[in-house]
Full PDB file with SEQRES, HELIX, SHEET, SSBOND, CRYST1, ORIGX, SCALE, CONECT and MASTER records, all heavy atoms in Angstrom:
SEQRES   1 A   35  GLY MET GLY TRP ALA GLN LEU ILE HIS PRO ASP ASP LEU          
SEQRES   2 A   35  GLU PRO THR GLN ARG GLU VAL ALA GLN GLN LEU GLU GLY          
SEQRES   3 A   35  GLN ASP THR VAL ASN PHE VAL ASN ARG                          
HELIX    1 AA1 PRO A   10  LEU A   24  1                                  15    
CRYST1    1.000    1.000    1.000  90.00  90.00  90.00 P 1           1          
ORIGX1      1.000000  0.000000  0.000000        0.00000                         
ORIGX2      0.000000  1.000000  0.000000        0.00000                         
ORIGX3      0.000000  0.000000  1.000000        0.00000                         
SCALE1      1.000000  0.000000  0.000000        0.00000                         
SCALE2      0.000000  1.000000  0.000000        0.00000                         
SCALE3      0.000000  0.000000  1.000000        0.00000                         
ATOM      1  N   GLY A   1      15.044   7.831   0.171  1.00  0.00           N  
ATOM      2  CA  GLY A   1      15.791   7.499  -1.039  1.00  0.00           C  
ATOM      3  C   GLY A   1      15.356   6.208  -1.677  1.00  0.00           C  
ATOM      4  O   GLY A   1      15.427   6.065  -2.907  1.00  0.00           O  
ATOM      5  N   MET A   2      14.560   5.345  -0.970  1.00  0.00           N  
ATOM      6  CA  MET A   2      14.173   4.082  -1.472  1.00  0.00           C  
ATOM      7  C   MET A   2      12.732   4.193  -1.954  1.00  0.00           C  
ATOM      8  O   MET A   2      12.281   3.606  -2.910  1.00  0.00           O  
ATOM      9  CB  MET A   2      14.266   2.973  -0.381  1.00  0.00           C  
ATOM     10  CG  MET A   2      15.728   2.678  -0.188  1.00  0.00           C  
ATOM     11  SD  MET A   2      15.930   1.249   0.948  1.00  0.00           S  
ATOM     12  CE  MET A   2      15.464   1.998   2.538  1.00  0.00           C  
ATOM     13  N   GLY A   3      11.767   4.845  -1.189  1.00  0.00           N  
ATOM     14  CA  GLY A   3      10.364   4.781  -1.458  1.00  0.00           C  
ATOM     15  C   GLY A   3       9.789   3.332  -0.898  1.00  0.00           C  
ATOM     16  O   GLY A   3      10.498   2.491  -0.535  1.00  0.00           O  
ATOM     17  N   TRP A   4       8.389   3.183  -0.901  1.00  0.00           N  
ATOM     18  CA  TRP A   4       7.902   2.124  -0.324  1.00  0.00           C  
ATOM     19  C   TRP A   4       7.971   0.807  -1.106  1.00  0.00           C  
ATOM     20  O   TRP A   4       7.960  -0.209  -0.549  1.00  0.00           O  
ATOM     21  CB  TRP A   4       6.419   2.388   0.117  1.00  0.00           C  
ATOM     22  CG  TRP A   4       5.423   2.424  -0.893  1.00  0.00           C  
ATOM     23  CD1 TRP A   4       5.173   1.504  -1.891  1.00  0.00           C  
ATOM     24  CD2 TRP A   4       4.449   3.515  -1.118  1.00  0.00           C  
ATOM     25  NE1 TRP A   4       4.044   1.895  -2.716  1.00  0.00           N  
ATOM     26  CE2 TRP A   4       3.566   3.041  -2.273  1.00  0.00           C  
ATOM     27  CE3 TRP A   4       4.197   4.658  -0.610  1.00  0.00           C  
ATOM     28  CZ2 TRP A   4       2.606   3.825  -2.773  1.00  0.00           C  
ATOM     29  CZ3 TRP A   4       3.127   5.419  -1.093  1.00  0.00           C  
ATOM     30  CH2 TRP A   4       2.386   5.086  -2.190  1.00  0.00           C  
ATOM     31  N   ALA A   5       8.093   0.892  -2.429  1.00  0.00           N  
ATOM     32  CA  ALA A   5       8.146  -0.279  -3.198  1.00  0.00           C  
ATOM     33  C   ALA A   5       9.406  -1.103  -2.906  1.00  0.00           C  
ATOM     34  O   ALA A   5       9.318  -2.305  -3.045  1.00  0.00           O  
ATOM     35  CB  ALA A   5       8.114   0.052  -4.728  1.00  0.00           C  
ATOM     36  N   GLN A   6      10.472  -0.434  -2.576  1.00  0.00           N  
ATOM     37  CA  GLN A   6      11.744  -1.222  -2.100  1.00  0.00           C  
ATOM     38  C   GLN A   6      11.635  -1.714  -0.723  1.00  0.00           C  
ATOM     39  O   GLN A   6      12.583  -2.511  -0.338  1.00  0.00           O  
ATOM     40  CB  GLN A   6      12.873  -0.334  -2.287  1.00  0.00           C  
ATOM     41  CG  GLN A   6      13.179   0.214  -3.840  1.00  0.00           C  
ATOM     42  CD  GLN A   6      14.296   1.021  -3.861  1.00  0.00           C  
ATOM     43  OE1 GLN A   6      15.425   0.583  -3.551  1.00  0.00           O  
ATOM     44  NE2 GLN A   6      14.180   2.101  -4.561  1.00  0.00           N  
ATOM     45  N   LEU A   7      10.717  -1.348   0.107  1.00  0.00           N  
ATOM     46  CA  LEU A   7      10.608  -1.769   1.563  1.00  0.00           C  
ATOM     47  C   LEU A   7       9.610  -2.720   1.683  1.00  0.00           C  
ATOM     48  O   LEU A   7       9.699  -3.731   2.621  1.00  0.00           O  
ATOM     49  CB  LEU A   7      10.423  -0.606   2.474  1.00  0.00           C  
ATOM     50  CG  LEU A   7      11.550   0.402   2.466  1.00  0.00           C  
ATOM     51  CD1 LEU A   7      11.240   1.766   3.224  1.00  0.00           C  
ATOM     52  CD2 LEU A   7      12.782  -0.109   3.122  1.00  0.00           C  
ATOM     53  N   ILE A   8       8.554  -2.693   0.949  1.00  0.00           N  
ATOM     54  CA  ILE A   8       7.326  -3.669   1.293  1.00  0.00           C  
ATOM     55  C   ILE A   8       7.650  -5.055   0.703  1.00  0.00           C  
ATOM     56  O   ILE A   8       8.352  -5.282  -0.381  1.00  0.00           O  
ATOM     57  CB  ILE A   8       6.097  -3.052   0.608  1.00  0.00           C  
ATOM     58  CG1 ILE A   8       5.682  -1.730   1.101  1.00  0.00           C  
ATOM     59  CG2 ILE A   8       4.925  -4.099   0.603  1.00  0.00           C  
ATOM     60  CD1 ILE A   8       4.529  -1.041   0.523  1.00  0.00           C  
ATOM     61  N   HIS A   9       7.237  -5.956   1.483  1.00  0.00           N  
ATOM     62  CA  HIS A   9       7.481  -7.451   1.035  1.00  0.00           C  
ATOM     63  C   HIS A   9       6.786  -7.608  -0.260  1.00  0.00           C  
ATOM     64  O   HIS A   9       5.719  -7.099  -0.616  1.00  0.00           O  
ATOM     65  CB  HIS A   9       6.645  -8.345   1.958  1.00  0.00           C  
ATOM     66  CG  HIS A   9       7.051  -9.751   1.930  1.00  0.00           C  
ATOM     67  ND1 HIS A   9       6.501 -10.595   0.936  1.00  0.00           N  
ATOM     68  CD2 HIS A   9       7.775 -10.632   2.677  1.00  0.00           C  
ATOM     69  CE1 HIS A   9       6.954 -11.740   0.946  1.00  0.00           C  
ATOM     70  NE2 HIS A   9       7.807 -11.801   1.932  1.00  0.00           N  
ATOM     71  N   PRO A  10       7.493  -8.241  -1.258  1.00  0.00           N  
ATOM     72  CA  PRO A  10       6.930  -8.412  -2.601  1.00  0.00           C  
ATOM     73  C   PRO A  10       5.504  -9.067  -2.649  1.00  0.00           C  
ATOM     74  O   PRO A  10       4.652  -8.574  -3.562  1.00  0.00           O  
ATOM     75  CB  PRO A  10       7.951  -9.517  -3.186  1.00  0.00           C  
ATOM     76  CG  PRO A  10       9.277  -9.334  -2.510  1.00  0.00           C  
ATOM     77  CD  PRO A  10       8.791  -8.986  -1.019  1.00  0.00           C  
ATOM     78  N   ASP A  11       5.112  -9.899  -1.715  1.00  0.00           N  
ATOM     79  CA  ASP A  11       3.846 -10.318  -1.784  1.00  0.00           C  
ATOM     80  C   ASP A  11       2.760  -9.364  -1.356  1.00  0.00           C  
ATOM     81  O   ASP A  11       1.471  -9.619  -1.609  1.00  0.00           O  
ATOM     82  CB  ASP A  11       3.773 -11.623  -0.738  1.00  0.00           C  
ATOM     83  CG  ASP A  11       4.545 -12.844  -1.370  1.00  0.00           C  
ATOM     84  OD1 ASP A  11       4.914 -12.877  -2.576  1.00  0.00           O  
ATOM     85  OD2 ASP A  11       4.918 -13.764  -0.435  1.00  0.00           O  
ATOM     86  N   ASP A  12       3.144  -8.303  -0.644  1.00  0.00           N  
ATOM     87  CA  ASP A  12       2.331  -7.232  -0.116  1.00  0.00           C  
ATOM     88  C   ASP A  12       2.269  -6.123  -1.088  1.00  0.00           C  
ATOM     89  O   ASP A  12       1.351  -5.173  -0.771  1.00  0.00           O  
ATOM     90  CB  ASP A  12       2.594  -6.902   1.237  1.00  0.00           C  
ATOM     91  CG  ASP A  12       2.584  -8.090   2.259  1.00  0.00           C  
ATOM     92  OD1 ASP A  12       1.857  -9.061   1.988  1.00  0.00           O  
ATOM     93  OD2 ASP A  12       3.198  -7.878   3.342  1.00  0.00           O  
ATOM     94  N   LEU A  13       3.046  -6.041  -2.003  1.00  0.00           N  
ATOM     95  CA  LEU A  13       3.168  -4.806  -2.811  1.00  0.00           C  
ATOM     96  C   LEU A  13       1.791  -4.606  -3.615  1.00  0.00           C  
ATOM     97  O   LEU A  13       1.321  -3.485  -3.695  1.00  0.00           O  
ATOM     98  CB  LEU A  13       4.297  -5.001  -3.802  1.00  0.00           C  
ATOM     99  CG  LEU A  13       4.569  -3.701  -4.635  1.00  0.00           C  
ATOM    100  CD1 LEU A  13       4.879  -2.481  -3.792  1.00  0.00           C  
ATOM    101  CD2 LEU A  13       5.846  -3.897  -5.524  1.00  0.00           C  
ATOM    102  N   GLU A  14       1.302  -5.580  -4.289  1.00  0.00           N  
ATOM    103  CA  GLU A  14       0.043  -5.406  -5.078  1.00  0.00           C  
ATOM    104  C   GLU A  14      -1.222  -5.016  -4.222  1.00  0.00           C  
ATOM    105  O   GLU A  14      -1.862  -3.982  -4.504  1.00  0.00           O  
ATOM    106  CB  GLU A  14      -0.277  -6.715  -5.866  1.00  0.00           C  
ATOM    107  CG  GLU A  14      -1.436  -6.488  -6.780  1.00  0.00           C  
ATOM    108  CD  GLU A  14      -1.698  -7.756  -7.580  1.00  0.00           C  
ATOM    109  OE1 GLU A  14      -0.899  -8.647  -7.655  1.00  0.00           O  
ATOM    110  OE2 GLU A  14      -2.844  -7.862  -8.138  1.00  0.00           O  
ATOM    111  N   PRO A  15      -1.451  -5.683  -2.943  1.00  0.00           N  
ATOM    112  CA  PRO A  15      -2.516  -5.119  -2.066  1.00  0.00           C  
ATOM    113  C   PRO A  15      -2.184  -3.737  -1.571  1.00  0.00           C  
ATOM    114  O   PRO A  15      -3.115  -3.006  -1.423  1.00  0.00           O  
ATOM    115  CB  PRO A  15      -2.337  -6.115  -0.972  1.00  0.00           C  
ATOM    116  CG  PRO A  15      -1.728  -7.397  -1.584  1.00  0.00           C  
ATOM    117  CD  PRO A  15      -0.817  -6.910  -2.493  1.00  0.00           C  
ATOM    118  N   THR A  16      -0.964  -3.397  -1.374  1.00  0.00           N  
ATOM    119  CA  THR A  16      -0.678  -2.100  -0.986  1.00  0.00           C  
ATOM    120  C   THR A  16      -1.065  -1.014  -2.105  1.00  0.00           C  
ATOM    121  O   THR A  16      -1.643   0.034  -1.764  1.00  0.00           O  
ATOM    122  CB  THR A  16       0.770  -1.842  -0.592  1.00  0.00           C  
ATOM    123  OG1 THR A  16       1.083  -2.823   0.481  1.00  0.00           O  
ATOM    124  CG2 THR A  16       1.115  -0.394  -0.093  1.00  0.00           C  
ATOM    125  N   GLN A  17      -0.710  -1.395  -3.347  1.00  0.00           N  
ATOM    126  CA  GLN A  17      -1.089  -0.506  -4.537  1.00  0.00           C  
ATOM    127  C   GLN A  17      -2.561  -0.397  -4.602  1.00  0.00           C  
ATOM    128  O   GLN A  17      -3.040   0.786  -4.899  1.00  0.00           O  
ATOM    129  CB  GLN A  17      -0.484  -0.988  -5.692  1.00  0.00           C  
ATOM    130  CG  GLN A  17       1.086  -0.943  -5.666  1.00  0.00           C  
ATOM    131  CD  GLN A  17       1.738  -1.597  -6.922  1.00  0.00           C  
ATOM    132  OE1 GLN A  17       1.122  -2.586  -7.405  1.00  0.00           O  
ATOM    133  NE2 GLN A  17       2.916  -1.197  -7.276  1.00  0.00           N  
ATOM    134  N   ARG A  18      -3.301  -1.403  -4.363  1.00  0.00           N  
ATOM    135  CA  ARG A  18      -4.720  -1.304  -4.469  1.00  0.00           C  
ATOM    136  C   ARG A  18      -5.337  -0.394  -3.245  1.00  0.00           C  
ATOM    137  O   ARG A  18      -6.280   0.405  -3.464  1.00  0.00           O  
ATOM    138  CB  ARG A  18      -5.391  -2.700  -4.268  1.00  0.00           C  
ATOM    139  CG  ARG A  18      -5.182  -3.599  -5.477  1.00  0.00           C  
ATOM    140  CD  ARG A  18      -6.109  -4.708  -5.554  1.00  0.00           C  
ATOM    141  NE  ARG A  18      -6.095  -5.554  -4.426  1.00  0.00           N  
ATOM    142  CZ  ARG A  18      -5.343  -6.602  -4.240  1.00  0.00           C  
ATOM    143  NH1 ARG A  18      -4.600  -7.046  -5.399  1.00  0.00           N  
ATOM    144  NH2 ARG A  18      -5.281  -7.394  -3.292  1.00  0.00           N  
ATOM    145  N   GLU A  19      -4.721  -0.585  -2.137  1.00  0.00           N  
ATOM    146  CA  GLU A  19      -5.124   0.295  -1.012  1.00  0.00           C  
ATOM    147  C   GLU A  19      -4.961   1.789  -1.399  1.00  0.00           C  
ATOM    148  O   GLU A  19      -5.744   2.620  -1.021  1.00  0.00           O  
ATOM    149  CB  GLU A  19      -4.359  -0.095   0.198  1.00  0.00           C  
ATOM    150  CG  GLU A  19      -4.981   0.571   1.517  1.00  0.00           C  
ATOM    151  CD  GLU A  19      -6.229   0.195   1.948  1.00  0.00           C  
ATOM    152  OE1 GLU A  19      -6.672  -0.978   1.594  1.00  0.00           O  
ATOM    153  OE2 GLU A  19      -6.990   0.944   2.604  1.00  0.00           O  
ATOM    154  N   VAL A  20      -3.749   2.145  -1.815  1.00  0.00           N  
ATOM    155  CA  VAL A  20      -3.506   3.432  -2.269  1.00  0.00           C  
ATOM    156  C   VAL A  20      -4.373   3.972  -3.317  1.00  0.00           C  
ATOM    157  O   VAL A  20      -4.908   5.055  -3.269  1.00  0.00           O  
ATOM    158  CB  VAL A  20      -1.952   3.580  -2.822  1.00  0.00           C  
ATOM    159  CG1 VAL A  20      -1.713   4.978  -3.381  1.00  0.00           C  
ATOM    160  CG2 VAL A  20      -0.987   3.376  -1.695  1.00  0.00           C  
ATOM    161  N   ALA A  21      -4.701   3.115  -4.319  1.00  0.00           N  
ATOM    162  CA  ALA A  21      -5.782   3.481  -5.334  1.00  0.00           C  
ATOM    163  C   ALA A  21      -7.052   3.930  -4.842  1.00  0.00           C  
ATOM    164  O   ALA A  21      -7.678   4.830  -5.155  1.00  0.00           O  
ATOM    165  CB  ALA A  21      -5.909   2.504  -6.366  1.00  0.00           C  
ATOM    166  N   GLN A  22      -7.447   3.134  -3.709  1.00  0.00           N  
ATOM    167  CA  GLN A  22      -8.697   3.400  -3.057  1.00  0.00           C  
ATOM    168  C   GLN A  22      -8.626   4.749  -2.143  1.00  0.00           C  
ATOM    169  O   GLN A  22      -9.591   5.572  -2.118  1.00  0.00           O  
ATOM    170  CB  GLN A  22      -9.114   2.300  -1.945  1.00  0.00           C  
ATOM    171  CG  GLN A  22      -9.506   1.053  -2.690  1.00  0.00           C  
ATOM    172  CD  GLN A  22      -9.775  -0.019  -1.752  1.00  0.00           C  
ATOM    173  OE1 GLN A  22      -9.576   0.050  -0.522  1.00  0.00           O  
ATOM    174  NE2 GLN A  22     -10.211  -1.215  -2.359  1.00  0.00           N  
ATOM    175  N   GLN A  23      -7.402   5.066  -1.601  1.00  0.00           N  
ATOM    176  CA  GLN A  23      -7.258   6.287  -1.080  1.00  0.00           C  
ATOM    177  C   GLN A  23      -7.360   7.366  -1.975  1.00  0.00           C  
ATOM    178  O   GLN A  23      -7.993   8.502  -1.570  1.00  0.00           O  
ATOM    179  CB  GLN A  23      -5.688   6.368  -0.321  1.00  0.00           C  
ATOM    180  CG  GLN A  23      -5.641   5.717   0.994  1.00  0.00           C  
ATOM    181  CD  GLN A  23      -4.321   6.060   1.642  1.00  0.00           C  
ATOM    182  OE1 GLN A  23      -3.504   6.901   1.129  1.00  0.00           O  
ATOM    183  NE2 GLN A  23      -4.237   5.509   2.881  1.00  0.00           N  
ATOM    184  N   LEU A  24      -6.771   7.330  -3.022  1.00  0.00           N  
ATOM    185  CA  LEU A  24      -6.798   8.442  -4.214  1.00  0.00           C  
ATOM    186  C   LEU A  24      -8.294   8.622  -4.612  1.00  0.00           C  
ATOM    187  O   LEU A  24      -8.631   9.778  -5.127  1.00  0.00           O  
ATOM    188  CB  LEU A  24      -6.072   7.995  -5.302  1.00  0.00           C  
ATOM    189  CG  LEU A  24      -4.494   7.837  -5.080  1.00  0.00           C  
ATOM    190  CD1 LEU A  24      -3.862   7.569  -6.465  1.00  0.00           C  
ATOM    191  CD2 LEU A  24      -3.864   9.137  -4.560  1.00  0.00           C  
ATOM    192  N   GLU A  25      -9.197   7.714  -4.379  1.00  0.00           N  
ATOM    193  CA  GLU A  25     -10.629   7.816  -4.651  1.00  0.00           C  
ATOM    194  C   GLU A  25     -11.392   8.346  -3.512  1.00  0.00           C  
ATOM    195  O   GLU A  25     -12.664   8.516  -3.636  1.00  0.00           O  
ATOM    196  CB  GLU A  25     -11.165   6.484  -5.155  1.00  0.00           C  
ATOM    197  CG  GLU A  25     -10.601   6.002  -6.515  1.00  0.00           C  
ATOM    198  CD  GLU A  25     -11.113   4.564  -6.901  1.00  0.00           C  
ATOM    199  OE1 GLU A  25     -11.865   4.055  -6.011  1.00  0.00           O  
ATOM    200  OE2 GLU A  25     -10.726   4.065  -7.922  1.00  0.00           O  
ATOM    201  N   GLY A  26     -10.722   8.650  -2.404  1.00  0.00           N  
ATOM    202  CA  GLY A  26     -11.360   9.301  -1.262  1.00  0.00           C  
ATOM    203  C   GLY A  26     -11.737   8.306  -0.099  1.00  0.00           C  
ATOM    204  O   GLY A  26     -12.397   8.802   0.863  1.00  0.00           O  
ATOM    205  N   GLN A  27     -11.358   7.131  -0.258  1.00  0.00           N  
ATOM    206  CA  GLN A  27     -11.479   6.201   0.850  1.00  0.00           C  
ATOM    207  C   GLN A  27     -10.312   6.137   1.825  1.00  0.00           C  
ATOM    208  O   GLN A  27      -9.305   5.786   1.475  1.00  0.00           O  
ATOM    209  CB  GLN A  27     -11.802   4.853   0.347  1.00  0.00           C  
ATOM    210  CG  GLN A  27     -12.037   3.834   1.367  1.00  0.00           C  
ATOM    211  CD  GLN A  27     -12.405   2.425   0.800  1.00  0.00           C  
ATOM    212  OE1 GLN A  27     -13.071   2.332  -0.158  1.00  0.00           O  
ATOM    213  NE2 GLN A  27     -12.046   1.299   1.389  1.00  0.00           N  
ATOM    214  N   ASP A  28     -10.548   6.414   3.112  1.00  0.00           N  
ATOM    215  CA  ASP A  28      -9.461   6.347   4.110  1.00  0.00           C  
ATOM    216  C   ASP A  28      -8.950   4.985   4.418  1.00  0.00           C  
ATOM    217  O   ASP A  28      -9.800   3.963   4.245  1.00  0.00           O  
ATOM    218  CB  ASP A  28      -9.794   6.931   5.378  1.00  0.00           C  
ATOM    219  CG  ASP A  28      -9.986   8.474   5.282  1.00  0.00           C  
ATOM    220  OD1 ASP A  28      -9.509   9.057   4.355  1.00  0.00           O  
ATOM    221  OD2 ASP A  28     -10.623   9.063   6.103  1.00  0.00           O  
ATOM    222  N   THR A  29      -7.747   4.780   4.620  1.00  0.00           N  
ATOM    223  CA  THR A  29      -7.160   3.437   5.111  1.00  0.00           C  
ATOM    224  C   THR A  29      -7.378   3.296   6.537  1.00  0.00           C  
ATOM    225  O   THR A  29      -7.066   4.105   7.367  1.00  0.00           O  
ATOM    226  CB  THR A  29      -5.713   3.335   4.649  1.00  0.00           C  
ATOM    227  OG1 THR A  29      -5.536   3.291   3.322  1.00  0.00           O  
ATOM    228  CG2 THR A  29      -5.028   2.160   5.310  1.00  0.00           C  
ATOM    229  N   VAL A  30      -7.911   2.072   6.886  1.00  0.00           N  
ATOM    230  CA  VAL A  30      -8.168   1.748   8.283  1.00  0.00           C  
ATOM    231  C   VAL A  30      -7.668   0.417   8.529  1.00  0.00           C  
ATOM    232  O   VAL A  30      -8.138  -0.554   7.951  1.00  0.00           O  
ATOM    233  CB  VAL A  30      -9.652   1.913   8.704  1.00  0.00           C  
ATOM    234  CG1 VAL A  30      -9.821   1.584  10.220  1.00  0.00           C  
ATOM    235  CG2 VAL A  30     -10.274   3.306   8.372  1.00  0.00           C  
ATOM    236  N   ASN A  31      -6.646   0.207   9.482  1.00  0.00           N  
ATOM    237  CA  ASN A  31      -6.122  -1.094   9.841  1.00  0.00           C  
ATOM    238  C   ASN A  31      -5.631  -1.918   8.842  1.00  0.00           C  
ATOM    239  O   ASN A  31      -5.897  -3.275   8.689  1.00  0.00           O  
ATOM    240  CB  ASN A  31      -7.180  -1.879  10.681  1.00  0.00           C  
ATOM    241  CG  ASN A  31      -7.585  -1.071  11.948  1.00  0.00           C  
ATOM    242  OD1 ASN A  31      -6.860  -0.276  12.439  1.00  0.00           O  
ATOM    243  ND2 ASN A  31      -8.761  -1.356  12.462  1.00  0.00           N  
ATOM    244  N   PHE A  32      -5.053  -1.394   7.675  1.00  0.00           N  
ATOM    245  CA  PHE A  32      -4.413  -2.088   6.636  1.00  0.00           C  
ATOM    246  C   PHE A  32      -3.063  -2.616   7.052  1.00  0.00           C  
ATOM    247  O   PHE A  32      -2.195  -1.893   7.601  1.00  0.00           O  
ATOM    248  CB  PHE A  32      -4.237  -1.154   5.405  1.00  0.00           C  
ATOM    249  CG  PHE A  32      -3.580  -1.943   4.184  1.00  0.00           C  
ATOM    250  CD1 PHE A  32      -4.233  -2.827   3.521  1.00  0.00           C  
ATOM    251  CD2 PHE A  32      -2.152  -1.564   3.954  1.00  0.00           C  
ATOM    252  CE1 PHE A  32      -3.536  -3.468   2.391  1.00  0.00           C  
ATOM    253  CE2 PHE A  32      -1.611  -2.201   2.899  1.00  0.00           C  
ATOM    254  CZ  PHE A  32      -2.236  -3.138   2.132  1.00  0.00           C  
ATOM    255  N   VAL A  33      -2.831  -3.865   6.788  1.00  0.00           N  
ATOM    256  CA  VAL A  33      -1.615  -4.551   7.273  1.00  0.00           C  
ATOM    257  C   VAL A  33      -0.652  -4.968   6.042  1.00  0.00           C  
ATOM    258  O   VAL A  33      -1.243  -5.531   5.090  1.00  0.00           O  
ATOM    259  CB  VAL A  33      -1.940  -5.637   8.130  1.00  0.00           C  
ATOM    260  CG1 VAL A  33      -0.693  -6.466   8.426  1.00  0.00           C  
ATOM    261  CG2 VAL A  33      -2.704  -5.261   9.397  1.00  0.00           C  
ATOM    262  N   ASN A  34       0.654  -4.626   6.139  1.00  0.00           N  
ATOM    263  CA  ASN A  34       1.558  -5.154   5.103  1.00  0.00           C  
ATOM    264  C   ASN A  34       2.884  -5.321   5.895  1.00  0.00           C  
ATOM    265  O   ASN A  34       3.070  -4.975   7.110  1.00  0.00           O  
ATOM    266  CB  ASN A  34       1.786  -4.273   4.002  1.00  0.00           C  
ATOM    267  CG  ASN A  34       2.090  -2.850   4.171  1.00  0.00           C  
ATOM    268  OD1 ASN A  34       2.542  -2.575   5.458  1.00  0.00           O  
ATOM    269  ND2 ASN A  34       2.024  -1.883   3.223  1.00  0.00           N  
ATOM    270  N   ARG A  35       3.820  -5.952   5.291  1.00  0.00           N  
ATOM    271  CA  ARG A  35       5.167  -6.191   5.822  1.00  0.00           C  
ATOM    272  C   ARG A  35       6.264  -5.320   5.282  1.00  0.00           C  
ATOM    273  O   ARG A  35       6.335  -5.141   3.984  1.00  0.00           O  
ATOM    274  CB  ARG A  35       5.543  -7.703   5.718  1.00  0.00           C  
ATOM    275  CG  ARG A  35       4.601  -8.568   6.532  1.00  0.00           C  
ATOM    276  CD  ARG A  35       4.809  -9.981   5.890  1.00  0.00           C  
ATOM    277  NE  ARG A  35       4.115 -10.206   4.648  1.00  0.00           N  
ATOM    278  CZ  ARG A  35       4.203 -11.243   3.928  1.00  0.00           C  
ATOM    279  NH1 ARG A  35       4.785 -12.445   4.470  1.00  0.00           N  
ATOM    280  NH2 ARG A  35       3.624 -11.372   2.855  1.00  0.00           N  
TER     281      ARG A  35                                                      
MASTER        0    0    0    1    0    0    0    6  280    1    0    3          
END                                                                             
């Protein structure tokens, strides 16, 4: 019901969005850290 934007630490939200954008371009996520 919340989605990840409501759970991720505000300081980590933008890096997480960048990581997702890279995934959508075909790059797998490896050892990405957020809170």
